[in-house]
Amino acid sequence: MESRVTERLRLKKNADRRLKAGHLWLYSNEIDTQATPLKTFEPGSQAVIEAANGKAMGVAYVNPHSLICARVVSRDPNVRLDRSLLVHRLNQALGLRQRLFDKPYYRLIHGEGDLLPGLIVDRFDDVLVVQLNTLGMERLGEEVVAALDKVLSPRAIVFKNDSSGRRQEQLERQVAVVQGELPERVMVEENGVRFVVPVLEGQKTGWFYDHRANRAWLNRLVAGQRVLDVFSYVGGWGVQAAAHGAREVLCIDGSAEALGRVAENAELNGLAERVAVGEGDAFEALATLKAEGEQFDVVILDPPAFIKKRKDIPNGERAYSRLNRDAMRLLGRDGLLLSASCSMHLTAERLVECVRGAVRHQDRHGQIIYEGHQGPDHPVHPAIPETAYLKALGVRVFRD
């Protein structure tokens, strides 16, 4: 076992308040750089965090070149983030998932929510897909693999290191199988429906577990309905809707490759005759469908994040508003809209406002009958609002 952390990173006076409240991030302007100059720290190294009075508050890994210059990994100043602590955290996370789910398909590690900042691990039975999103975690890549191997002995481990967070930390893109051999098809089962997951070439880790509960809610309401799934990706929403009785589903996405996966997943579940696909820009596709007189009973909007940074908020809110307006135009007299946002900077209240404005623009009535969030395998850290990012509204849209 490695020795204890000896380097010290001291905070300015009163800069320890958020840390005392439970937060795990430290910003560069909170550091007493006269006592402990950031430029002396090797990027990715670990340090004991000290309050201004010298009291040790925990251990963090440090990136002196990042706005978030340190991320706390333990409140115990006598430990360090190594294989032993990784195994401990993995076992804690695994215990929770095994209580929540009866099959091995879930997010195993959700960064700060599981007290491992910068680390994402999605589990597809015996295949694990890992994202190392910070320099501190990047330096521990081999230890992460060893810890995962010890806890789960997976068939394969994939590094899917292509996130925007890595770019912010000046890390290179890396997508590779780092241990074992991938099966010909990596599978996931969600809400009783099976999917092929493109773990190497797909978005994020290849699948979005965070909407599992929201999809389960919608699945109960689609029997006999005509459904439009916008931003469908590989069919997580649309194929599940067909499997739960929707009479017809149209999946729209800008990626021909993703739509090929929709068709494959529909075929896999014996639903090919009820699932159609259409390639194109979402806004243009919605306009075309309206011009052609198409109408749907249910419209699903699960777009990518329109708001990635605070400066994007005005344009992003306009895009969400327009998207919801255009979608509602395609609903029949009494329809159902599932409107989602994964933009952390769009509050739940603002998404409701986008929906409200869209309802009034169509001179209709709206009833919010469901408010959903990310699933329990994406735990929210109570001191870090940024870990609560996903919103989903079920809205009945009807005329007098």
Protein backbone atom coordinates (compact mmCIF):
# COMPACT_ATOMS: atom_id res chain seq x y z
CA MET A 1 0.00 0.00 0.00
CA GLU A 2 1.24 3.49 -0.83
CA SER A 3 2.27 5.86 1.92
CA ARG A 4 0.02 8.61 3.18
CA VAL A 5 -0.34 11.87 1.28
CA THR A 6 2.21 14.41 2.46
CA GLU A 7 1.61 17.45 0.24
CA ARG A 8 -0.65 20.19 1.63
CA LEU A 9 -3.08 22.50 -0.13
CA ARG A 10 -4.27 25.36 2.08
CA LEU A 11 -7.53 27.25 1.69
CA LYS A 12 -8.09 30.95 2.19
CA LYS A 13 -9.93 32.14 5.26
CA ASN A 14 -13.64 31.14 5.16
CA ALA A 15 -13.09 29.21 1.91
CA ASP A 16 -13.82 25.97 3.75
CA ARG A 17 -17.57 26.59 4.10
CA ARG A 18 -18.67 24.60 1.05
CA LEU A 19 -16.31 21.77 2.00
CA LYS A 20 -17.80 21.67 5.51
CA ALA A 21 -21.26 21.53 3.93
CA GLY A 22 -20.23 18.41 2.05
CA HIS A 23 -19.14 19.70 -1.37
CA LEU A 24 -16.21 17.95 -3.04
CA TRP A 25 -14.88 20.68 -5.35
CA LEU A 26 -12.33 23.41 -4.72
CA TYR A 27 -11.84 26.33 -7.07
CA SER A 28 -8.50 27.95 -7.78
CA ASN A 29 -9.62 31.29 -6.29
CA GLU A 30 -10.25 29.57 -2.93
CA ILE A 31 -6.63 28.49 -2.51
CA ASP A 32 -4.11 30.40 -0.39
CA THR A 33 -1.52 30.48 -3.16
CA GLN A 34 0.99 32.34 -1.01
CA ALA A 35 1.10 29.50 1.50
CA THR A 36 0.68 26.71 -1.08
CA PRO A 37 1.28 27.90 -4.67
CA LEU A 38 -0.78 25.85 -7.11
CA LYS A 39 1.99 25.95 -9.69
CA THR A 40 4.15 23.74 -7.46
CA PHE A 41 1.72 20.81 -7.68
CA GLU A 42 2.20 18.10 -10.22
CA PRO A 43 -1.04 17.79 -12.22
CA GLY A 44 -3.03 14.82 -10.94
CA SER A 45 -1.14 14.53 -7.67
CA GLN A 46 -2.92 14.18 -4.33
CA ALA A 47 -2.82 16.56 -1.41
CA VAL A 48 -4.25 16.97 2.08
CA ILE A 49 -6.68 19.90 2.10
CA GLU A 50 -6.16 22.29 4.99
CA ALA A 51 -8.38 25.03 6.33
CA ALA A 52 -6.80 28.46 6.80
CA ASN A 53 -5.96 27.54 10.40
CA GLY A 54 -4.06 24.44 9.26
CA LYS A 55 -6.74 21.88 10.21
CA ALA A 56 -6.74 18.90 7.84
CA MET A 57 -10.10 18.46 6.07
CA GLY A 58 -9.50 15.54 3.74
CA VAL A 59 -7.60 14.36 0.67
CA ALA A 60 -8.10 15.57 -2.90
CA TYR A 61 -6.43 15.16 -6.25
CA VAL A 62 -5.17 18.37 -7.81
CA ASN A 63 -5.09 19.90 -11.27
CA PRO A 64 -3.47 23.35 -11.00
CA HIS A 65 -4.49 24.18 -14.60
CA SER A 66 -8.24 23.67 -14.08
CA LEU A 67 -10.83 26.07 -12.63
CA ILE A 68 -11.90 23.21 -10.35
CA CYS A 69 -8.37 22.75 -9.09
CA ALA A 70 -9.03 20.00 -6.55
CA ARG A 71 -11.64 17.28 -6.01
CA VAL A 72 -12.01 15.66 -2.61
CA VAL A 73 -11.87 11.86 -2.54
CA SER A 74 -11.99 11.28 1.23
CA ARG A 75 -12.66 13.22 4.42
CA ASP A 76 -9.97 11.17 6.13
CA PRO A 77 -6.60 12.93 5.71
CA ASN A 78 -4.82 9.66 6.52
CA VAL A 79 -5.87 7.83 3.33
CA ARG A 80 -5.17 8.32 -0.35
CA LEU A 81 -7.06 7.42 -3.49
CA ASP A 82 -5.44 4.14 -4.48
CA ARG A 83 -6.53 0.64 -5.42
CA SER A 84 -7.68 -0.10 -1.88
CA LEU A 85 -9.97 2.92 -1.67
CA LEU A 86 -11.23 2.30 -5.21
CA VAL A 87 -12.18 -1.27 -4.27
CA HIS A 88 -13.95 0.01 -1.16
CA ARG A 89 -15.94 2.62 -3.11
CA LEU A 90 -16.78 0.09 -5.83
CA ASN A 91 -18.12 -2.36 -3.27
CA GLN A 92 -20.21 0.39 -1.67
CA ALA A 93 -21.66 1.31 -5.07
CA LEU A 94 -22.23 -2.32 -6.07
CA GLY A 95 -24.13 -2.99 -2.86
CA LEU A 96 -26.55 -0.17 -3.68
CA ARG A 97 -27.12 -1.32 -7.26
CA GLN A 98 -27.71 -4.89 -6.19
CA ARG A 99 -30.42 -3.63 -3.83
CA LEU A 100 -32.00 -1.57 -6.61
CA PHE A 101 -31.85 -3.90 -9.60
CA ASP A 102 -32.29 -7.63 -10.14
CA LYS A 103 -30.16 -7.76 -13.29
CA PRO A 104 -26.59 -6.51 -13.91
CA TYR A 105 -27.44 -3.57 -16.15
CA TYR A 106 -26.90 -0.16 -14.54
CA ARG A 107 -24.52 2.71 -13.91
CA LEU A 108 -22.14 1.32 -11.34
CA ILE A 109 -20.19 4.52 -10.59
CA HIS A 110 -21.64 8.00 -11.04
CA GLY A 111 -18.71 10.30 -10.26
CA GLU A 112 -19.27 12.58 -7.30
CA GLY A 113 -22.57 10.84 -6.53
CA ASP A 114 -20.54 7.75 -5.61
CA LEU A 115 -17.67 9.71 -4.03
CA LEU A 116 -15.34 9.06 -6.97
CA PRO A 117 -15.13 12.41 -8.77
CA GLY A 118 -14.29 12.13 -12.44
CA LEU A 119 -15.13 8.42 -12.78
CA ILE A 120 -18.07 6.91 -14.66
CA VAL A 121 -18.62 3.15 -14.97
CA ASP A 122 -21.61 1.63 -16.78
CA ARG A 123 -22.22 -2.08 -16.44
CA PHE A 124 -23.58 -4.26 -19.23
CA ASP A 125 -23.51 -7.60 -17.43
CA ASP A 126 -19.89 -8.76 -17.81
CA VAL A 127 -18.78 -5.75 -19.89
CA LEU A 128 -17.79 -2.53 -18.12
CA VAL A 129 -17.50 0.81 -19.92
CA VAL A 130 -15.36 3.37 -18.11
CA GLN A 131 -14.97 7.13 -18.51
CA LEU A 132 -12.02 8.85 -16.85
CA ASN A 133 -13.09 12.48 -17.09
CA THR A 134 -10.42 14.23 -15.04
CA LEU A 135 -6.65 14.27 -14.92
CA GLY A 136 -6.65 12.86 -11.41
CA MET A 137 -8.65 9.83 -12.52
CA GLU A 138 -6.66 9.50 -15.74
CA ARG A 139 -3.51 9.01 -13.69
CA LEU A 140 -5.23 6.18 -11.82
CA GLY A 141 -6.44 4.36 -14.92
CA GLU A 142 -4.49 1.18 -14.24
CA GLU A 143 -5.65 1.14 -10.62
CA VAL A 144 -9.27 1.57 -11.75
CA VAL A 145 -8.95 -1.44 -14.06
CA ALA A 146 -7.35 -3.53 -11.30
CA ALA A 147 -10.05 -2.55 -8.79
CA LEU A 148 -12.87 -3.36 -11.25
CA ASP A 149 -11.23 -6.69 -11.99
CA LYS A 150 -11.02 -7.50 -8.29
CA VAL A 151 -14.63 -6.57 -7.54
CA LEU A 152 -16.40 -7.95 -10.63
CA SER A 153 -13.94 -10.00 -12.75
CA PRO A 154 -15.54 -8.71 -15.97
CA ARG A 155 -15.18 -10.27 -19.40
CA ALA A 156 -14.07 -6.94 -20.85
CA ILE A 157 -13.31 -3.39 -19.76
CA VAL A 158 -13.64 -0.53 -22.25
CA PHE A 159 -12.20 2.95 -21.82
CA LYS A 160 -14.61 5.39 -23.51
CA ASN A 161 -12.57 8.50 -22.89
CA ASP A 162 -14.05 11.00 -25.34
CA SER A 163 -16.10 13.33 -23.13
CA SER A 164 -16.14 17.13 -23.22
CA GLY A 165 -14.90 17.11 -19.63
CA ARG A 166 -11.65 15.54 -20.77
CA ARG A 167 -11.11 18.33 -23.27
CA GLN A 168 -11.52 20.86 -20.48
CA GLU A 169 -8.79 19.02 -18.56
CA GLN A 170 -6.58 18.93 -21.69
CA LEU A 171 -6.75 15.15 -21.97
CA GLU A 172 -6.58 13.25 -25.23
CA ARG A 173 -9.39 11.14 -26.65
CA GLN A 174 -9.08 7.40 -26.03
CA VAL A 175 -11.56 4.68 -26.97
CA ALA A 176 -10.17 1.19 -26.49
CA VAL A 177 -10.76 -2.23 -25.00
CA VAL A 178 -8.18 -2.20 -22.20
CA GLN A 179 -8.86 -5.64 -20.74
CA GLY A 180 -10.40 -8.82 -22.09
CA GLU A 181 -12.28 -9.17 -25.36
CA LEU A 182 -15.63 -7.67 -26.30
CA PRO A 183 -18.38 -10.10 -27.29
CA GLU A 184 -19.71 -9.75 -30.82
CA ARG A 185 -22.70 -7.87 -29.43
CA VAL A 186 -22.86 -6.06 -26.11
CA MET A 187 -26.39 -6.31 -24.77
CA VAL A 188 -28.52 -4.42 -22.26
CA GLU A 189 -31.93 -5.27 -20.89
CA GLU A 190 -34.14 -2.44 -19.70
CA ASN A 191 -37.78 -2.60 -18.65
CA GLY A 192 -38.01 -6.08 -20.14
CA VAL A 193 -36.69 -5.06 -23.58
CA ARG A 194 -33.32 -6.08 -25.04
CA PHE A 195 -30.96 -3.80 -26.97
CA VAL A 196 -27.61 -4.01 -28.70
CA VAL A 197 -25.34 -1.30 -27.27
CA PRO A 198 -22.65 0.35 -29.43
CA VAL A 199 -20.13 0.79 -26.64
CA LEU A 200 -17.18 1.76 -28.86
CA GLU A 201 -18.80 4.05 -31.43
CA GLY A 202 -21.97 5.17 -29.65
CA GLN A 203 -22.73 8.26 -27.58
CA LYS A 204 -21.32 8.45 -24.04
CA THR A 205 -20.90 4.84 -22.85
CA GLY A 206 -23.26 3.58 -25.57
CA TRP A 207 -26.44 3.72 -23.50
CA PHE A 208 -28.36 6.18 -21.29
CA TYR A 209 -29.41 4.42 -18.10
CA ASP A 210 -30.52 7.68 -16.51
CA HIS A 211 -33.96 7.64 -18.19
CA ARG A 212 -34.84 4.05 -17.20
CA ALA A 213 -37.56 5.05 -14.69
CA ASN A 214 -38.97 7.73 -16.99
CA ARG A 215 -39.24 5.26 -19.85
CA ALA A 216 -40.95 2.79 -17.52
CA TRP A 217 -43.56 5.42 -16.67
CA LEU A 218 -44.26 6.19 -20.31
CA ASN A 219 -44.39 2.52 -21.26
CA ARG A 220 -47.62 2.16 -19.27
CA LEU A 221 -49.40 4.75 -21.41
CA VAL A 222 -48.52 3.88 -25.01
CA ALA A 223 -50.65 0.81 -25.77
CA GLY A 224 -52.51 1.35 -29.04
CA GLN A 225 -50.92 4.77 -29.56
CA ARG A 226 -49.04 6.30 -32.50
CA VAL A 227 -45.68 7.45 -31.10
CA LEU A 228 -43.00 9.86 -32.37
CA ASP A 229 -39.56 9.52 -30.78
CA VAL A 230 -37.39 12.56 -31.58
CA PHE A 231 -33.61 12.35 -30.99
CA SER A 232 -34.18 8.61 -30.78
CA TYR A 233 -30.52 7.49 -30.74
CA VAL A 234 -30.68 3.64 -30.76
CA GLY A 235 -34.37 3.45 -29.81
CA GLY A 236 -34.35 3.40 -26.02
CA TRP A 237 -37.71 5.18 -25.90
CA GLY A 238 -39.26 4.18 -29.21
CA VAL A 239 -38.49 0.48 -29.25
CA GLN A 240 -39.64 0.18 -25.64
CA ALA A 241 -42.89 1.94 -26.58
CA ALA A 242 -43.47 -0.59 -29.37
CA ALA A 243 -42.68 -3.44 -26.99
CA HIS A 244 -45.32 -2.11 -24.61
CA GLY A 245 -48.07 -2.00 -27.17
CA ALA A 246 -47.71 1.15 -29.28
CA ARG A 247 -49.34 0.39 -32.62
CA GLU A 248 -46.81 2.46 -34.60
CA VAL A 249 -43.54 4.22 -33.73
CA LEU A 250 -41.48 6.65 -35.80
CA CYS A 251 -37.91 7.26 -34.59
CA ILE A 252 -36.18 10.44 -35.80
CA ASP A 253 -32.43 11.02 -35.45
CA GLY A 254 -29.68 12.84 -37.29
CA SER A 255 -27.41 9.78 -37.30
CA ALA A 256 -27.92 7.09 -39.92
CA GLU A 257 -25.76 4.78 -37.80
CA ALA A 258 -27.99 5.27 -34.75
CA LEU A 259 -31.10 4.63 -36.85
CA GLY A 260 -29.52 1.42 -38.11
CA ARG A 261 -29.29 0.40 -34.46
CA VAL A 262 -32.97 1.29 -33.97
CA ALA A 263 -33.89 -1.10 -36.77
CA GLU A 264 -31.61 -3.78 -35.33
CA ASN A 265 -33.11 -3.41 -31.87
CA ALA A 266 -36.66 -3.46 -33.22
CA GLU A 267 -35.85 -6.66 -35.10
CA LEU A 268 -34.21 -8.14 -32.00
CA ASN A 269 -37.50 -7.76 -30.12
CA GLY A 270 -39.77 -8.85 -32.97
CA LEU A 271 -41.06 -5.31 -33.53
CA ALA A 272 -39.73 -4.45 -36.99
CA GLU A 273 -43.18 -4.03 -38.51
CA ARG A 274 -44.19 -1.41 -35.94
CA VAL A 275 -41.01 0.70 -35.81
CA ALA A 276 -40.03 3.04 -38.65
CA VAL A 277 -37.08 5.43 -38.82
CA GLY A 278 -36.43 8.84 -40.36
CA GLU A 279 -33.06 10.54 -40.68
CA GLY A 280 -32.68 14.29 -40.38
CA ASP A 281 -32.40 17.40 -38.24
CA ALA A 282 -35.05 17.28 -35.53
CA PHE A 283 -36.45 20.76 -36.15
CA GLU A 284 -36.64 20.22 -39.90
CA ALA A 285 -38.21 16.79 -39.41
CA LEU A 286 -40.91 18.21 -37.14
CA ALA A 287 -41.72 20.91 -39.70
CA THR A 288 -41.90 18.35 -42.51
CA LEU A 289 -44.19 16.06 -40.54
CA LYS A 290 -46.52 18.99 -39.83
CA ALA A 291 -46.53 20.01 -43.49
CA GLU A 292 -47.43 16.46 -44.46
CA GLY A 293 -50.38 16.48 -42.07
CA GLU A 294 -48.97 13.81 -39.76
CA GLN A 295 -50.40 13.45 -36.27
CA PHE A 296 -49.32 11.47 -33.22
CA ASP A 297 -50.83 10.46 -29.91
CA VAL A 298 -47.49 10.61 -28.07
CA VAL A 299 -44.37 12.69 -28.82
CA ILE A 300 -41.08 12.06 -27.00
CA LEU A 301 -38.45 14.80 -26.86
CA ASP A 302 -35.12 13.68 -25.39
CA PRO A 303 -32.61 16.09 -26.96
CA PRO A 304 -28.89 16.42 -26.25
CA ALA A 305 -27.86 19.20 -23.90
CA PHE A 306 -28.67 22.51 -25.61
CA ILE A 307 -27.04 24.33 -22.68
CA LYS A 308 -23.52 23.18 -21.90
CA LYS A 309 -22.31 26.40 -20.24
CA ARG A 310 -24.01 29.31 -18.51
CA LYS A 311 -23.45 31.55 -21.50
CA ASP A 312 -25.58 29.15 -23.56
CA ILE A 313 -28.67 29.63 -21.38
CA PRO A 314 -30.55 32.26 -23.47
CA ASN A 315 -30.09 30.47 -26.81
CA GLY A 316 -30.63 27.08 -25.19
CA GLU A 317 -33.91 28.10 -23.58
CA ARG A 318 -35.14 29.42 -26.91
CA ALA A 319 -34.26 26.08 -28.53
CA TYR A 320 -36.14 24.11 -25.85
CA SER A 321 -39.16 26.40 -26.26
CA ARG A 322 -39.17 26.04 -30.04
CA LEU A 323 -38.75 22.28 -29.84
CA ASN A 324 -41.71 21.90 -27.51
CA ARG A 325 -43.88 24.19 -29.67
CA ASP A 326 -43.05 22.27 -32.82
CA ALA A 327 -43.72 18.93 -31.12
CA MET A 328 -47.10 19.99 -29.76
CA ARG A 329 -48.26 20.93 -33.25
CA LEU A 330 -48.08 17.23 -34.12
CA LEU A 331 -50.25 16.04 -31.23
CA GLY A 332 -53.88 15.18 -31.76
CA ARG A 333 -56.78 16.72 -29.85
CA ASP A 334 -55.80 14.94 -26.64
CA GLY A 335 -52.13 13.95 -26.73
CA LEU A 336 -49.19 13.22 -24.47
CA LEU A 337 -45.80 14.95 -24.58
CA LEU A 338 -42.71 13.60 -22.83
CA SER A 339 -40.33 16.55 -22.65
CA ALA A 340 -36.85 15.95 -21.24
CA SER A 341 -33.66 17.91 -20.70
CA CYS A 342 -30.22 16.72 -19.64
CA SER A 343 -28.86 20.29 -19.44
CA MET A 344 -27.74 20.87 -15.87
CA HIS A 345 -28.03 24.64 -16.43
CA LEU A 346 -31.73 24.37 -17.35
CA THR A 347 -33.66 24.24 -14.11
CA ALA A 348 -36.80 22.17 -13.73
CA GLU A 349 -38.74 25.42 -13.33
CA ARG A 350 -37.44 26.75 -16.64
CA LEU A 351 -38.35 23.52 -18.45
CA VAL A 352 -41.87 23.86 -17.07
CA GLU A 353 -41.89 27.44 -18.36
CA CYS A 354 -40.81 26.28 -21.83
CA VAL A 355 -43.66 23.77 -21.83
CA ARG A 356 -46.17 26.30 -20.50
CA GLY A 357 -45.23 28.80 -23.20
CA ALA A 358 -45.51 26.13 -25.88
CA VAL A 359 -48.97 25.08 -24.68
CA ARG A 360 -50.26 28.65 -24.75
CA HIS A 361 -48.65 29.29 -28.16
CA GLN A 362 -50.80 26.44 -29.52
CA ASP A 363 -53.86 27.83 -27.67
CA ARG A 364 -54.26 24.54 -25.86
CA HIS A 365 -54.40 23.35 -22.28
CA GLY A 366 -51.62 21.50 -20.55
CA GLN A 367 -51.54 19.26 -17.49
CA ILE A 368 -48.24 18.11 -16.02
CA ILE A 369 -48.99 14.57 -14.91
CA TYR A 370 -45.45 13.36 -14.31
CA GLU A 371 -42.16 14.87 -13.17
CA GLY A 372 -39.18 12.55 -13.53
CA HIS A 373 -35.49 12.70 -12.75
CA GLN A 374 -32.38 10.61 -13.22
CA GLY A 375 -32.56 7.04 -11.99
CA PRO A 376 -31.23 5.87 -8.62
CA ASP A 377 -28.07 4.47 -10.21
CA HIS A 378 -27.23 8.13 -10.91
CA PRO A 379 -27.30 9.25 -7.24
CA VAL A 380 -27.44 12.96 -6.50
CA HIS A 381 -24.85 14.28 -4.07
CA PRO A 382 -26.92 16.45 -1.69
CA ALA A 383 -24.21 19.10 -1.44
CA ILE A 384 -23.52 19.29 -5.19
CA PRO A 385 -26.49 20.65 -7.17
CA GLU A 386 -24.60 19.95 -10.40
CA THR A 387 -25.12 16.21 -9.89
CA ALA A 388 -28.90 16.65 -10.36
CA TYR A 389 -29.12 17.30 -14.08
CA LEU A 390 -31.94 15.28 -15.67
CA LYS A 391 -35.55 16.45 -15.98
CA ALA A 392 -38.52 14.75 -17.62
CA LEU A 393 -42.08 16.08 -17.80
CA GLY A 394 -45.12 14.08 -18.81
CA VAL A 395 -47.61 16.60 -20.17
CA ARG A 396 -51.17 16.02 -21.32
CA VAL A 397 -51.87 18.51 -24.12
CA PHE A 398 -55.51 18.92 -25.12
CA ARG A 399 -58.12 21.25 -26.65
CA ASP A 400 -61.44 22.35 -25.25
